[in-house]
PDB file of N, CA and C in Angstrom:
ATOM      1  N   MET A   1       0.840  -1.186   0.000  1.00  0.00           N
ATOM      2  CA  MET A   1       0.000   0.000   0.000  1.00  0.00           C
ATOM      3  C   MET A   1       0.887   1.252   0.000  1.00  0.00           C
ATOM      4  N   ILE A   2       0.462   2.277  -0.656  1.00  0.00           N
ATOM      5  CA  ILE A   2       1.217   3.520  -0.753  1.00  0.00           C
ATOM      6  C   ILE A   2       0.764   4.449   0.371  1.00  0.00           C
ATOM      7  N   ASP A   3       1.723   5.005   1.128  1.00  0.00           N
ATOM      8  CA  ASP A   3       1.352   5.906   2.215  1.00  0.00           C
ATOM      9  C   ASP A   3       1.005   7.289   1.656  1.00  0.00           C
ATOM     10  N   GLU A   4       0.375   8.098   2.511  1.00  0.00           N
ATOM     11  CA  GLU A   4      -0.102   9.414   2.075  1.00  0.00           C
ATOM     12  C   GLU A   4       1.041  10.347   1.691  1.00  0.00           C
ATOM     13  N   LYS A   5       2.177  10.223   2.352  1.00  0.00           N
ATOM     14  CA  LYS A   5       3.332  11.071   2.043  1.00  0.00           C
ATOM     15  C   LYS A   5       3.794  10.828   0.605  1.00  0.00           C
ATOM     16  N   ALA A   6       3.853   9.555   0.200  1.00  0.00           N
ATOM     17  CA  ALA A   6       4.273   9.222  -1.160  1.00  0.00           C
ATOM     18  C   ALA A   6       3.225   9.655  -2.185  1.00  0.00           C
ATOM     19  N   MET A   7       1.972   9.660  -1.795  1.00  0.00           N
ATOM     20  CA  MET A   7       0.895  10.032  -2.724  1.00  0.00           C
ATOM     21  C   MET A   7       0.967  11.505  -3.118  1.00  0.00           C
ATOM     22  N   GLU A   8       1.659  12.326  -2.340  1.00  0.00           N
ATOM     23  CA  GLU A   8       1.798  13.744  -2.676  1.00  0.00           C
ATOM     24  C   GLU A   8       2.617  13.937  -3.947  1.00  0.00           C
ATOM     25  N   ASP A   9       3.421  12.939  -4.306  1.00  0.00           N
ATOM     26  CA  ASP A   9       4.264  13.021  -5.499  1.00  0.00           C
ATOM     27  C   ASP A   9       3.545  12.532  -6.750  1.00  0.00           C
ATOM     28  N   TYR A  10       2.283  12.117  -6.616  1.00  0.00           N
ATOM     29  CA  TYR A  10       1.501  11.577  -7.728  1.00  0.00           C
ATOM     30  C   TYR A  10       0.297  12.463  -8.004  1.00  0.00           C
ATOM     31  N   VAL A  11      -0.182  12.426  -9.241  1.00  0.00           N
ATOM     32  CA  VAL A  11      -1.435  13.087  -9.602  1.00  0.00           C
ATOM     33  C   VAL A  11      -2.336  12.070 -10.275  1.00  0.00           C
ATOM     34  N   ASP A  12      -3.630  12.348 -10.227  1.00  0.00           N
ATOM     35  CA  ASP A  12      -4.562  11.437 -10.889  1.00  0.00           C
ATOM     36  C   ASP A  12      -4.656  11.764 -12.377  1.00  0.00           C
ATOM     37  N   GLN A  13      -5.385  10.937 -13.065  1.00  0.00           N
ATOM     38  CA  GLN A  13      -5.535  11.042 -14.518  1.00  0.00           C
ATOM     39  C   GLN A  13      -6.143  12.377 -14.933  1.00  0.00           C
ATOM     40  N   VAL A  14      -7.121  12.851 -14.179  1.00  0.00           N
ATOM     41  CA  VAL A  14      -7.808  14.109 -14.509  1.00  0.00           C
ATOM     42  C   VAL A  14      -6.825  15.284 -14.412  1.00  0.00           C
ATOM     43  N   THR A  15      -6.065  15.321 -13.331  1.00  0.00           N
ATOM     44  CA  THR A  15      -5.102  16.409 -13.136  1.00  0.00           C
ATOM     45  C   THR A  15      -4.005  16.362 -14.188  1.00  0.00           C
ATOM     46  N   ALA A  16      -3.529  15.162 -14.508  1.00  0.00           N
ATOM     47  CA  ALA A  16      -2.496  15.006 -15.539  1.00  0.00           C
ATOM     48  C   ALA A  16      -3.003  15.528 -16.883  1.00  0.00           C
ATOM     49  N   ALA A  17      -4.251  15.214 -17.202  1.00  0.00           N
ATOM     50  CA  ALA A  17      -4.837  15.671 -18.469  1.00  0.00           C
ATOM     51  C   ALA A  17      -4.883  17.198 -18.522  1.00  0.00           C
ATOM     52  N   LYS A  18      -5.239  17.817 -17.415  1.00  0.00           N
ATOM     53  CA  LYS A  18      -5.281  19.284 -17.365  1.00  0.00           C
ATOM     54  C   LYS A  18      -3.885  19.882 -17.488  1.00  0.00           C
ATOM     55  N   MET A  19      -2.908  19.253 -16.827  1.00  0.00           N
ATOM     56  CA  MET A  19      -1.542  19.765 -16.865  1.00  0.00           C
ATOM     57  C   MET A  19      -0.966  19.733 -18.279  1.00  0.00           C
ATOM     58  N   LEU A  20      -1.267  18.651 -19.021  1.00  0.00           N
ATOM     59  CA  LEU A  20      -0.714  18.488 -20.367  1.00  0.00           C
ATOM     60  C   LEU A  20      -1.639  18.996 -21.464  1.00  0.00           C
ATOM     61  N   LYS A  21      -2.839  19.433 -21.066  1.00  0.00           N
ATOM     62  CA  LYS A  21      -3.837  19.940 -22.017  1.00  0.00           C
ATOM     63  C   LYS A  21      -4.187  18.897 -23.086  1.00  0.00           C
ATOM     64  N   ILE A  22      -4.406  17.651 -22.615  1.00  0.00           N
ATOM     65  CA  ILE A  22      -4.868  16.569 -23.471  1.00  0.00           C
ATOM     66  C   ILE A  22      -6.013  15.851 -22.758  1.00  0.00           C
ATOM     67  N   THR A  23      -6.669  14.925 -23.426  1.00  0.00           N
ATOM     68  CA  THR A  23      -7.823  14.258 -22.836  1.00  0.00           C
ATOM     69  C   THR A  23      -7.400  13.167 -21.853  1.00  0.00           C
ATOM     70  N   GLN A  24      -8.345  12.793 -20.999  1.00  0.00           N
ATOM     71  CA  GLN A  24      -8.098  11.707 -20.049  1.00  0.00           C
ATOM     72  C   GLN A  24      -7.884  10.385 -20.777  1.00  0.00           C
ATOM     73  N   GLY A  25      -8.577  10.208 -21.875  1.00  0.00           N
ATOM     74  CA  GLY A  25      -8.401   9.000 -22.677  1.00  0.00           C
ATOM     75  C   GLY A  25      -6.988   8.879 -23.221  1.00  0.00           C
ATOM     76  N   ARG A  26      -6.440  10.014 -23.641  1.00  0.00           N
ATOM     77  CA  ARG A  26      -5.064  10.008 -24.151  1.00  0.00           C
ATOM     78  C   ARG A  26      -4.080   9.709 -23.026  1.00  0.00           C
ATOM     79  N   ILE A  27      -4.360  10.218 -21.833  1.00  0.00           N
ATOM     80  CA  ILE A  27      -3.519   9.904 -20.674  1.00  0.00           C
ATOM     81  C   ILE A  27      -3.516   8.392 -20.444  1.00  0.00           C
ATOM     82  N   SER A  28      -4.683   7.765 -20.519  1.00  0.00           N
ATOM     83  CA  SER A  28      -4.767   6.310 -20.349  1.00  0.00           C
ATOM     84  C   SER A  28      -3.935   5.583 -21.397  1.00  0.00           C
ATOM     85  N   GLN A  29      -4.038   6.023 -22.649  1.00  0.00           N
ATOM     86  CA  GLN A  29      -3.260   5.393 -23.726  1.00  0.00           C
ATOM     87  C   GLN A  29      -1.764   5.519 -23.464  1.00  0.00           C
ATOM     88  N   LEU A  30      -1.326   6.688 -23.043  1.00  0.00           N
ATOM     89  CA  LEU A  30       0.095   6.907 -22.767  1.00  0.00           C
ATOM     90  C   LEU A  30       0.568   6.047 -21.603  1.00  0.00           C
ATOM     91  N   CYS A  31      -0.279   5.882 -20.599  1.00  0.00           N
ATOM     92  CA  CYS A  31       0.076   5.026 -19.463  1.00  0.00           C
ATOM     93  C   CYS A  31       0.198   3.573 -19.907  1.00  0.00           C
ATOM     94  N   ILE A  32      -0.737   3.110 -20.721  1.00  0.00           N
ATOM     95  CA  ILE A  32      -0.701   1.734 -21.228  1.00  0.00           C
ATOM     96  C   ILE A  32       0.559   1.518 -22.065  1.00  0.00           C
ATOM     97  N   GLN A  33       0.951   2.514 -22.842  1.00  0.00           N
ATOM     98  CA  GLN A  33       2.154   2.416 -23.675  1.00  0.00           C
ATOM     99  C   GLN A  33       3.436   2.523 -22.859  1.00  0.00           C
ATOM    100  N   GLY A  34       3.321   2.876 -21.577  1.00  0.00           N
ATOM    101  CA  GLY A  34       4.495   3.012 -20.730  1.00  0.00           C
ATOM    102  C   GLY A  34       5.242   4.317 -20.912  1.00  0.00           C
ATOM    103  N   ARG A  35       4.572   5.340 -21.393  1.00  0.00           N
ATOM    104  CA  ARG A  35       5.231   6.619 -21.651  1.00  0.00           C
ATOM    105  C   ARG A  35       5.443   7.445 -20.385  1.00  0.00           C
ATOM    106  N   PHE A  36       4.743   7.090 -19.281  1.00  0.00           N
ATOM    107  CA  PHE A  36       4.945   7.753 -17.997  1.00  0.00           C
ATOM    108  C   PHE A  36       5.605   6.759 -17.058  1.00  0.00           C
ATOM    109  N   GLN A  37       6.874   6.980 -16.776  1.00  0.00           N
ATOM    110  CA  GLN A  37       7.635   6.086 -15.897  1.00  0.00           C
ATOM    111  C   GLN A  37       7.036   6.132 -14.491  1.00  0.00           C
ATOM    112  N   GLY A  38       6.664   4.982 -13.955  1.00  0.00           N
ATOM    113  CA  GLY A  38       6.156   4.893 -12.590  1.00  0.00           C
ATOM    114  C   GLY A  38       4.653   5.026 -12.460  1.00  0.00           C
ATOM    115  N   ALA A  39       3.918   5.144 -13.575  1.00  0.00           N
ATOM    116  CA  ALA A  39       2.459   5.243 -13.507  1.00  0.00           C
ATOM    117  C   ALA A  39       1.882   3.908 -13.025  1.00  0.00           C
ATOM    118  N   MET A  40       0.841   3.994 -12.209  1.00  0.00           N
ATOM    119  CA  MET A  40       0.201   2.788 -11.673  1.00  0.00           C
ATOM    120  C   MET A  40      -1.303   2.876 -11.863  1.00  0.00           C
ATOM    121  N   LYS A  41      -1.902   1.736 -12.158  1.00  0.00           N
ATOM    122  CA  LYS A  41      -3.347   1.685 -12.315  1.00  0.00           C
ATOM    123  C   LYS A  41      -3.961   1.280 -10.984  1.00  0.00           C
ATOM    124  N   ILE A  42      -4.913   2.078 -10.543  1.00  0.00           N
ATOM    125  CA  ILE A  42      -5.638   1.782  -9.320  1.00  0.00           C
ATOM    126  C   ILE A  42      -7.116   1.777  -9.684  1.00  0.00           C
ATOM    127  N   GLY A  43      -7.702   0.613  -9.669  1.00  0.00           N
ATOM    128  CA  GLY A  43      -9.099   0.484 -10.083  1.00  0.00           C
ATOM    129  C   GLY A  43      -9.221   0.774 -11.573  1.00  0.00           C
ATOM    130  N   TRP A  44     -10.027   1.761 -11.909  1.00  0.00           N
ATOM    131  CA  TRP A  44     -10.241   2.131 -13.306  1.00  0.00           C
ATOM    132  C   TRP A  44      -9.378   3.301 -13.749  1.00  0.00           C
ATOM    133  N   SER A  45      -8.664   3.893 -12.807  1.00  0.00           N
ATOM    134  CA  SER A  45      -7.912   5.107 -13.113  1.00  0.00           C
ATOM    135  C   SER A  45      -6.417   4.891 -12.915  1.00  0.00           C
ATOM    136  N   TRP A  46      -5.648   5.866 -13.354  1.00  0.00           N
ATOM    137  CA  TRP A  46      -4.191   5.834 -13.239  1.00  0.00           C
ATOM    138  C   TRP A  46      -3.735   6.916 -12.294  1.00  0.00           C
ATOM    139  N   ILE A  47      -2.637   6.651 -11.580  1.00  0.00           N
ATOM    140  CA  ILE A  47      -1.930   7.700 -10.866  1.00  0.00           C
ATOM    141  C   ILE A  47      -0.543   7.782 -11.478  1.00  0.00           C
ATOM    142  N   ILE A  48      -0.084   9.004 -11.646  1.00  0.00           N
ATOM    143  CA  ILE A  48       1.142   9.251 -12.409  1.00  0.00           C
ATOM    144  C   ILE A  48       2.058  10.140 -11.580  1.00  0.00           C
ATOM    145  N   PRO A  49       3.338   9.813 -11.512  1.00  0.00           N
ATOM    146  CA  PRO A  49       4.269  10.682 -10.783  1.00  0.00           C
ATOM    147  C   PRO A  49       4.343  12.067 -11.431  1.00  0.00           C
ATOM    148  N   LYS A  50       4.376  13.090 -10.594  1.00  0.00           N
ATOM    149  CA  LYS A  50       4.461  14.467 -11.103  1.00  0.00           C
ATOM    150  C   LYS A  50       5.718  14.657 -11.953  1.00  0.00           C
ATOM    151  N   VAL A  51       6.796  14.019 -11.549  1.00  0.00           N
ATOM    152  CA  VAL A  51       8.060  14.135 -12.285  1.00  0.00           C
ATOM    153  C   VAL A  51       7.896  13.603 -13.709  1.00  0.00           C
ATOM    154  N   ALA A  52       7.159  12.510 -13.864  1.00  0.00           N
ATOM    155  CA  ALA A  52       6.959  11.922 -15.194  1.00  0.00           C
ATOM    156  C   ALA A  52       6.171  12.872 -16.089  1.00  0.00           C
ATOM    157  N   ILE A  53       5.227  13.573 -15.513  1.00  0.00           N
ATOM    158  CA  ILE A  53       4.429  14.527 -16.301  1.00  0.00           C
ATOM    159  C   ILE A  53       5.285  15.735 -16.684  1.00  0.00           C
ATOM    160  N   GLU A  54       6.088  16.200 -15.749  1.00  0.00           N
ATOM    161  CA  GLU A  54       6.947  17.351 -16.037  1.00  0.00           C
ATOM    162  C   GLU A  54       7.987  17.023 -17.105  1.00  0.00           C
ATOM    163  N   ASN A  55       8.447  15.774 -17.151  1.00  0.00           N
ATOM    164  CA  ASN A  55       9.473  15.364 -18.116  1.00  0.00           C
ATOM    165  C   ASN A  55       8.893  14.832 -19.418  1.00  0.00           C
ATOM    166  N   PHE A  56       7.563  14.791 -19.537  1.00  0.00           N
ATOM    167  CA  PHE A  56       6.915  14.225 -20.728  1.00  0.00           C
ATOM    168  C   PHE A  56       7.212  15.075 -21.954  1.00  0.00           C
ATOM    169  N   LYS A  57       7.635  14.403 -23.021  1.00  0.00           N
ATOM    170  CA  LYS A  57       7.891  15.075 -24.291  1.00  0.00           C
ATOM    171  C   LYS A  57       7.001  14.434 -25.349  1.00  0.00           C
ATOM    172  N   PRO A  58       6.032  15.183 -25.874  1.00  0.00           N
ATOM    173  CA  PRO A  58       5.163  14.599 -26.906  1.00  0.00           C
ATOM    174  C   PRO A  58       5.950  14.296 -28.175  1.00  0.00           C
ATOM    175  N   ARG A  59       5.527  13.261 -28.848  1.00  0.00           N
ATOM    176  CA  ARG A  59       6.176  12.904 -30.112  1.00  0.00           C
ATOM    177  C   ARG A  59       5.636  13.778 -31.220  1.00  0.00           C
ATOM    178  N   ARG A  60       6.438  13.955 -32.239  1.00  0.00           N
ATOM    179  CA  ARG A  60       6.056  14.781 -33.385  1.00  0.00           C
ATOM    180  C   ARG A  60       4.996  14.068 -34.208  1.00  0.00           C
ATOM    181  N   ARG A  61       4.010  14.807 -34.646  1.00  0.00           N
ATOM    182  CA  ARG A  61       2.939  14.251 -35.459  1.00  0.00           C
ATOM    183  C   ARG A  61       3.217  14.479 -36.938  1.00  0.00           C
ATOM    184  N   GLY A  62       2.518  13.736 -37.775  1.00  0.00           N
ATOM    185  CA  GLY A  62       2.585  13.970 -39.206  1.00  0.00           C
ATOM    186  C   GLY A  62       3.556  13.065 -39.924  1.00  0.00           C
ATOM    187  N   PRO A  63       3.700  13.288 -41.216  1.00  0.00           N
ATOM    188  CA  PRO A  63       4.575  12.433 -42.022  1.00  0.00           C
ATOM    189  C   PRO A  63       6.049  12.666 -41.709  1.00  0.00           C
ATOM    190  N   ARG A  64       6.861  11.707 -42.129  1.00  0.00           N
ATOM    191  CA  ARG A  64       8.307  11.844 -41.937  1.00  0.00           C
ATOM    192  C   ARG A  64       8.816  13.039 -42.733  1.00  0.00           C
ATOM    193  N   PRO A  65       9.920  13.619 -42.298  1.00  0.00           N
ATOM    194  CA  PRO A  65      10.500  14.722 -43.065  1.00  0.00           C
ATOM    195  C   PRO A  65      10.852  14.269 -44.478  1.00  0.00           C
ATOM    196  N   LYS A  66      10.750  15.175 -45.443  1.00  0.00           N
ATOM    197  CA  LYS A  66      10.983  14.822 -46.838  1.00  0.00           C
ATOM    198  C   LYS A  66      12.382  14.287 -47.084  1.00  0.00           C
ATOM    199  N   SER A  67      13.383  14.819 -46.392  1.00  0.00           N
ATOM    200  CA  SER A  67      14.749  14.355 -46.630  1.00  0.00           C
ATOM    201  C   SER A  67      14.865  12.872 -46.328  1.00  0.00           C
ATOM    202  N   THR A  68      14.256  12.399 -45.260  1.00  0.00           N
ATOM    203  CA  THR A  68      14.295  10.978 -44.916  1.00  0.00           C
ATOM    204  C   THR A  68      13.530  10.172 -45.957  1.00  0.00           C
ATOM    205  N   GLN A  69      12.393  10.685 -46.389  1.00  0.00           N
ATOM    206  CA  GLN A  69      11.602   9.980 -47.391  1.00  0.00           C
ATOM    207  C   GLN A  69      12.364   9.913 -48.710  1.00  0.00           C
ATOM    208  N   ASN A  70      13.011  11.004 -49.115  1.00  0.00           N
ATOM    209  CA  ASN A  70      13.770  11.008 -50.359  1.00  0.00           C
ATOM    210  C   ASN A  70      14.939  10.042 -50.299  1.00  0.00           C
ATOM    211  N   GLU A  71      15.603   9.962 -49.161  1.00  0.00           N
ATOM    212  CA  GLU A  71      16.710   9.018 -49.003  1.00  0.00           C
ATOM    213  C   GLU A  71      16.220   7.587 -49.129  1.00  0.00           C
ATOM    214  N   ALA A  72      15.053   7.295 -48.538  1.00  0.00           N
ATOM    215  CA  ALA A  72      14.490   5.942 -48.624  1.00  0.00           C
ATOM    216  C   ALA A  72      14.138   5.615 -50.076  1.00  0.00           C
ATOM    217  N   ASP A  73      13.558   6.579 -50.781  1.00  0.00           N
ATOM    218  CA  ASP A  73      13.224   6.364 -52.193  1.00  0.00           C
ATOM    219  C   ASP A  73      14.489   6.135 -53.022  1.00  0.00           C
ATOM    220  N   ARG A  74      15.518   6.935 -52.771  1.00  0.00           N
ATOM    221  CA  ARG A  74      16.766   6.799 -53.512  1.00  0.00           C
ATOM    222  C   ARG A  74      17.411   5.433 -53.242  1.00  0.00           C
ATOM    223  N   ASP A  75      17.403   4.986 -51.986  1.00  0.00           N
ATOM    224  CA  ASP A  75      17.960   3.676 -51.645  1.00  0.00           C
ATOM    225  C   ASP A  75      17.191   2.559 -52.339  1.00  0.00           C
ATOM    226  N   PHE A  76      15.866   2.688 -52.394  1.00  0.00           N
ATOM    227  CA  PHE A  76      15.043   1.689 -53.053  1.00  0.00           C
ATOM    228  C   PHE A  76      15.353   1.641 -54.551  1.00  0.00           C
ATOM    229  N   LEU A  77      15.446   2.815 -55.186  1.00  0.00           N
ATOM    230  CA  LEU A  77      15.724   2.862 -56.619  1.00  0.00           C
ATOM    231  C   LEU A  77      17.126   2.335 -56.932  1.00  0.00           C
ATOM    232  N   THR A  78      18.103   2.663 -56.100  1.00  0.00           N
ATOM    233  CA  THR A  78      19.463   2.163 -56.303  1.00  0.00           C
ATOM    234  C   THR A  78      19.488   0.651 -56.201  1.00  0.00           C
ATOM    235  N   SER A  79      18.774   0.124 -55.236  1.00  0.00           N
ATOM    236  CA  SER A  79      18.701  -1.327 -55.058  1.00  0.00           C
ATOM    237  C   SER A  79      18.043  -1.983 -56.271  1.00  0.00           C
ATOM    238  N   ALA A  80      16.970  -1.394 -56.773  1.00  0.00           N
ATOM    239  CA  ALA A  80      16.267  -1.956 -57.937  1.00  0.00           C
ATOM    240  C   ALA A  80      17.160  -1.924 -59.175  1.00  0.00           C
ATOM    241  N   ILE A  81      17.904  -0.847 -59.376  1.00  0.00           N
ATOM    242  CA  ILE A  81      18.795  -0.730 -60.511  1.00  0.00           C
ATOM    243  C   ILE A  81      19.907  -1.782 -60.418  1.00  0.00           C
ATOM    244  N   ASN A  82      20.469  -1.944 -59.239  1.00  0.00           N
ATOM    245  CA  ASN A  82      21.517  -2.953 -59.050  1.00  0.00           C
ATOM    246  C   ASN A  82      21.007  -4.356 -59.329  1.00  0.00           C
ATOM    247  N   GLN A  83      19.799  -4.647 -58.906  1.00  0.00           N
ATOM    248  CA  GLN A  83      19.212  -5.979 -59.140  1.00  0.00           C
ATOM    249  C   GLN A  83      18.982  -6.173 -60.638  1.00  0.00           C
ATOM    250  N   ALA A  84      18.547  -5.137 -61.314  1.00  0.00           N
ATOM    251  CA  ALA A  84      18.312  -5.236 -62.751  1.00  0.00           C
ATOM    252  C   ALA A  84      19.636  -5.472 -63.481  1.00  0.00           C
ATOM    253  N   ASP A  85      20.692  -4.782 -63.078  1.00  0.00           N
ATOM    254  CA  ASP A  85      22.021  -4.983 -63.666  1.00  0.00           C
ATOM    255  C   ASP A  85      22.508  -6.403 -63.455  1.00  0.00           C
ATOM    256  N   ASN A  86      22.261  -6.941 -62.253  1.00  0.00           N
ATOM    257  CA  ASN A  86      22.687  -8.305 -61.955  1.00  0.00           C
ATOM    258  C   ASN A  86      21.952  -9.324 -62.819  1.00  0.00           C
ATOM    259  N   LEU A  87      20.682  -9.057 -63.103  1.00  0.00           N
ATOM    260  CA  LEU A  87      19.914  -9.980 -63.940  1.00  0.00           C
ATOM    261  C   LEU A  87      20.390  -9.957 -65.381  1.00  0.00           C
ATOM    262  N   LYS A  88      20.836  -8.760 -65.829  1.00  0.00           N
ATOM    263  CA  LYS A  88      21.348  -8.643 -67.193  1.00  0.00           C
ATOM    264  C   LYS A  88      22.752  -9.232 -67.321  1.00  0.00           C
ATOM    265  N   GLY A  89      23.390  -9.407 -66.162  1.00  0.00           N
ATOM    266  CA  GLY A  89      24.747  -9.928 -66.191  1.00  0.00           C
ATOM    267  C   GLY A  89      25.766  -8.834 -66.303  1.00  0.00           C
ATOM    268  N   GLY A  90      25.395  -7.651 -65.941  1.00  0.00           N
ATOM    269  CA  GLY A  90      26.276  -6.543 -66.156  1.00  0.00           C
ATOM    270  C   GLY A  90      26.815  -5.939 -64.975  1.00  0.00           C
TER     271      GLY A  90
END
């Protein structure tokens, strides 16, 4: 059992959602994914260490940067050209 002194270092799901300006559902998803170190499920809700919320860094949304995508395309095309050369015997 967690004593009251230790509970001062934790916040509930509702408070965490307000602190990060995201929904309670998203907080649950992040806890399930293990994105908050030390989060614990109690009943239907989560308690999360304040330190974990303060250190939380959201991941970038959207597609990969074009430079990475272009490099992947170039690597794929180079590989295809090399395979075609090998089939021709050249």
